[in-house]
Amino acid sequence: MRRSTGWILALALGLVPAVTLAAQNAPTPPAPPAPAAASIPEATIGKAGAALRDVANLQEKYQPKMDQAGSQQEKQGLAEQANAEAVQAIQSHGLSVKEYSNVVRSAQSNPQLRQRLLDAANKQ
């Protein structure tokens, strides 16, 4: 039985850029402006949607573990493990983390792109 992951995907859409970078300790320069939705190829949106689905599933898997972690060190270890798996999931769809983050960032401010990305994420 396939369960609806719409709310998880919506949550991931808002949180994924932070999750994929959470384990990095180095300060990062300000992000470049997100590309215009029209300049993002449909194939890239499809790949980002599939990656978004995988990352949302990882968030669903790790959130209860993070909530039950007994120490900050345990939470950090779980965050690093989740981050590594998220990066692997994104790359397994043929995208770099930067490409993925650019699509997600663009979708946050563009309702049409957001819907296209969520539609792609819900395809199987």
C-alpha atoms as a PDB file:
ATOM      1  CA  MET A   1       0.000   0.000   0.000  1.00  0.00           C
ATOM      2  CA  ARG A   2       1.349   3.414  -0.947  1.00  0.00           C
ATOM      3  CA  ARG A   3       0.964   6.062   1.710  1.00  0.00           C
ATOM      4  CA  SER A   4       0.702   9.729   0.987  1.00  0.00           C
ATOM      5  CA  THR A   5       3.945  11.571   1.567  1.00  0.00           C
ATOM      6  CA  GLY A   6       2.656  15.005   0.628  1.00  0.00           C
ATOM      7  CA  TRP A   7       3.120  16.557   4.075  1.00  0.00           C
ATOM      8  CA  ILE A   8       6.553  14.972   4.412  1.00  0.00           C
ATOM      9  CA  LEU A   9       7.537  16.326   1.017  1.00  0.00           C
ATOM     10  CA  ALA A  10       6.272  19.772   1.910  1.00  0.00           C
ATOM     11  CA  LEU A  11       8.290  19.648   5.120  1.00  0.00           C
ATOM     12  CA  ALA A  12      11.353  18.453   3.232  1.00  0.00           C
ATOM     13  CA  LEU A  13      10.925  21.201   0.674  1.00  0.00           C
ATOM     14  CA  GLY A  14      11.329  23.725   3.448  1.00  0.00           C
ATOM     15  CA  LEU A  15      14.090  21.988   5.376  1.00  0.00           C
ATOM     16  CA  VAL A  16      16.241  20.022   2.982  1.00  0.00           C
ATOM     17  CA  PRO A  17      18.854  22.672   2.153  1.00  0.00           C
ATOM     18  CA  ALA A  18      19.578  23.039   5.862  1.00  0.00           C
ATOM     19  CA  VAL A  19      19.608  19.274   6.405  1.00  0.00           C
ATOM     20  CA  THR A  20      22.078  18.581   3.638  1.00  0.00           C
ATOM     21  CA  LEU A  21      24.468  21.152   5.030  1.00  0.00           C
ATOM     22  CA  ALA A  22      23.859  20.591   8.748  1.00  0.00           C
ATOM     23  CA  ALA A  23      26.977  18.510   9.364  1.00  0.00           C
ATOM     24  CA  GLN A  24      29.348  21.002   7.789  1.00  0.00           C
ATOM     25  CA  ASN A  25      31.040  23.148  10.410  1.00  0.00           C
ATOM     26  CA  ALA A  26      32.722  25.651   8.102  1.00  0.00           C
ATOM     27  CA  PRO A  27      30.914  28.945   7.588  1.00  0.00           C
ATOM     28  CA  THR A  28      29.385  29.232   4.163  1.00  0.00           C
ATOM     29  CA  PRO A  29      29.217  32.307   1.962  1.00  0.00           C
ATOM     30  CA  PRO A  30      25.754  33.670   1.127  1.00  0.00           C
ATOM     31  CA  ALA A  31      23.950  31.519  -1.397  1.00  0.00           C
ATOM     32  CA  PRO A  32      23.788  32.800  -4.947  1.00  0.00           C
ATOM     33  CA  PRO A  33      20.343  33.779  -6.192  1.00  0.00           C
ATOM     34  CA  ALA A  34      18.201  30.825  -7.196  1.00  0.00           C
ATOM     35  CA  PRO A  35      17.835  30.258 -10.930  1.00  0.00           C
ATOM     36  CA  ALA A  36      14.612  31.346 -12.598  1.00  0.00           C
ATOM     37  CA  ALA A  37      12.093  28.513 -12.825  1.00  0.00           C
ATOM     38  CA  ALA A  38      11.965  28.797 -16.611  1.00  0.00           C
ATOM     39  CA  SER A  39      15.698  28.081 -16.804  1.00  0.00           C
ATOM     40  CA  ILE A  40      15.428  24.761 -14.940  1.00  0.00           C
ATOM     41  CA  PRO A  41      15.073  21.858 -17.381  1.00  0.00           C
ATOM     42  CA  GLU A  42      12.129  19.515 -16.815  1.00  0.00           C
ATOM     43  CA  ALA A  43      14.541  16.571 -16.488  1.00  0.00           C
ATOM     44  CA  THR A  44      16.308  18.365 -13.627  1.00  0.00           C
ATOM     45  CA  ILE A  45      12.978  18.991 -11.901  1.00  0.00           C
ATOM     46  CA  GLY A  46      12.192  15.289 -12.255  1.00  0.00           C
ATOM     47  CA  LYS A  47      15.526  14.287 -10.746  1.00  0.00           C
ATOM     48  CA  ALA A  48      15.157  16.814  -7.941  1.00  0.00           C
ATOM     49  CA  GLY A  49      11.633  15.553  -7.240  1.00  0.00           C
ATOM     50  CA  ALA A  50      12.855  11.966  -6.960  1.00  0.00           C
ATOM     51  CA  ALA A  51      15.690  13.093  -4.695  1.00  0.00           C
ATOM     52  CA  LEU A  52      13.247  15.146  -2.617  1.00  0.00           C
ATOM     53  CA  ARG A  53      11.121  12.036  -2.088  1.00  0.00           C
ATOM     54  CA  ASP A  54      14.161  10.082  -0.922  1.00  0.00           C
ATOM     55  CA  VAL A  55      15.335  12.863   1.395  1.00  0.00           C
ATOM     56  CA  ALA A  56      11.824  13.198   2.844  1.00  0.00           C
ATOM     57  CA  ASN A  57      11.856   9.465   3.575  1.00  0.00           C
ATOM     58  CA  LEU A  58      15.207   9.881   5.318  1.00  0.00           C
ATOM     59  CA  GLN A  59      13.795  12.703   7.414  1.00  0.00           C
ATOM     60  CA  GLU A  60      10.880  10.474   8.372  1.00  0.00           C
ATOM     61  CA  LYS A  61      13.340   7.712   9.295  1.00  0.00           C
ATOM     62  CA  TYR A  62      15.707   9.877  11.347  1.00  0.00           C
ATOM     63  CA  GLN A  63      13.368  12.326  13.084  1.00  0.00           C
ATOM     64  CA  PRO A  64      12.125   9.835  15.717  1.00  0.00           C
ATOM     65  CA  LYS A  65      15.715   8.773  16.380  1.00  0.00           C
ATOM     66  CA  MET A  66      16.759  12.394  16.815  1.00  0.00           C
ATOM     67  CA  ASP A  67      13.826  13.007  19.164  1.00  0.00           C
ATOM     68  CA  GLN A  68      14.851  10.033  21.307  1.00  0.00           C
ATOM     69  CA  ALA A  69      18.588  10.686  21.285  1.00  0.00           C
ATOM     70  CA  GLY A  70      19.919  10.931  24.821  1.00  0.00           C
ATOM     71  CA  SER A  71      22.782  13.340  24.251  1.00  0.00           C
ATOM     72  CA  GLN A  72      23.888  16.106  21.965  1.00  0.00           C
ATOM     73  CA  GLN A  73      26.723  13.864  20.780  1.00  0.00           C
ATOM     74  CA  GLU A  74      24.237  11.157  19.803  1.00  0.00           C
ATOM     75  CA  LYS A  75      22.114  13.731  17.957  1.00  0.00           C
ATOM     76  CA  GLN A  76      25.205  14.995  16.118  1.00  0.00           C
ATOM     77  CA  GLY A  77      26.103  11.451  15.089  1.00  0.00           C
ATOM     78  CA  LEU A  78      22.591  10.832  13.795  1.00  0.00           C
ATOM     79  CA  ALA A  79      22.622  14.160  11.940  1.00  0.00           C
ATOM     80  CA  GLU A  80      25.902  13.277  10.262  1.00  0.00           C
ATOM     81  CA  GLN A  81      24.590   9.851   9.279  1.00  0.00           C
ATOM     82  CA  ALA A  82      21.348  11.351   7.915  1.00  0.00           C
ATOM     83  CA  ASN A  83      23.315  14.015   6.058  1.00  0.00           C
ATOM     84  CA  ALA A  84      25.570  11.428   4.416  1.00  0.00           C
ATOM     85  CA  GLU A  85      22.563   9.386   3.335  1.00  0.00           C
ATOM     86  CA  ALA A  86      20.810  12.507   2.005  1.00  0.00           C
ATOM     87  CA  VAL A  87      23.843  13.475  -0.061  1.00  0.00           C
ATOM     88  CA  GLN A  88      24.059   9.931  -1.420  1.00  0.00           C
ATOM     89  CA  ALA A  89      20.330   9.965  -2.252  1.00  0.00           C
ATOM     90  CA  ILE A  90      20.634  13.271  -4.095  1.00  0.00           C
ATOM     91  CA  GLN A  91      23.701  12.152  -6.039  1.00  0.00           C
ATOM     92  CA  SER A  92      22.073   8.809  -6.914  1.00  0.00           C
ATOM     93  CA  HIS A  93      19.592  10.786  -9.017  1.00  0.00           C
ATOM     94  CA  GLY A  94      22.366  12.428 -11.018  1.00  0.00           C
ATOM     95  CA  LEU A  95      22.393  15.787  -9.226  1.00  0.00           C
ATOM     96  CA  SER A  96      24.979  17.540  -7.137  1.00  0.00           C
ATOM     97  CA  VAL A  97      23.850  18.877  -3.774  1.00  0.00           C
ATOM     98  CA  LYS A  98      24.272  22.389  -5.196  1.00  0.00           C
ATOM     99  CA  GLU A  99      22.002  21.644  -8.189  1.00  0.00           C
ATOM    100  CA  TYR A 100      19.419  20.060  -5.903  1.00  0.00           C
ATOM    101  CA  SER A 101      19.543  22.967  -3.453  1.00  0.00           C
ATOM    102  CA  ASN A 102      19.133  25.474  -6.298  1.00  0.00           C
ATOM    103  CA  VAL A 103      15.948  23.742  -7.489  1.00  0.00           C
ATOM    104  CA  VAL A 104      14.538  23.523  -3.957  1.00  0.00           C
ATOM    105  CA  ARG A 105      15.414  27.158  -3.221  1.00  0.00           C
ATOM    106  CA  SER A 106      13.738  28.258  -6.459  1.00  0.00           C
ATOM    107  CA  ALA A 107      10.648  26.203  -5.609  1.00  0.00           C
ATOM    108  CA  GLN A 108      10.349  27.906  -2.220  1.00  0.00           C
ATOM    109  CA  SER A 109       9.645  31.221  -3.899  1.00  0.00           C
ATOM    110  CA  ASN A 110       7.829  30.009  -7.026  1.00  0.00           C
ATOM    111  CA  PRO A 111       4.462  28.291  -6.505  1.00  0.00           C
ATOM    112  CA  GLN A 112       4.328  26.813 -10.021  1.00  0.00           C
ATOM    113  CA  LEU A 113       7.805  25.324  -9.713  1.00  0.00           C
ATOM    114  CA  ARG A 114       6.994  24.077  -6.208  1.00  0.00           C
ATOM    115  CA  GLN A 115       3.944  22.247  -7.561  1.00  0.00           C
ATOM    116  CA  ARG A 116       5.943  20.744 -10.450  1.00  0.00           C
ATOM    117  CA  LEU A 117       8.609  19.603  -7.991  1.00  0.00           C
ATOM    118  CA  LEU A 118       6.030  18.060  -5.638  1.00  0.00           C
ATOM    119  CA  ASP A 119       4.308  16.367  -8.588  1.00  0.00           C
ATOM    120  CA  ALA A 120       7.663  14.896  -9.639  1.00  0.00           C
ATOM    121  CA  ALA A 121       8.332  13.769  -6.061  1.00  0.00           C
ATOM    122  CA  ASN A 122       4.996  11.938  -5.900  1.00  0.00           C
ATOM    123  CA  LYS A 123       5.648   9.965  -9.110  1.00  0.00           C
ATOM    124  CA  GLN A 124       6.950   6.447  -8.756  1.00  0.00           C
END
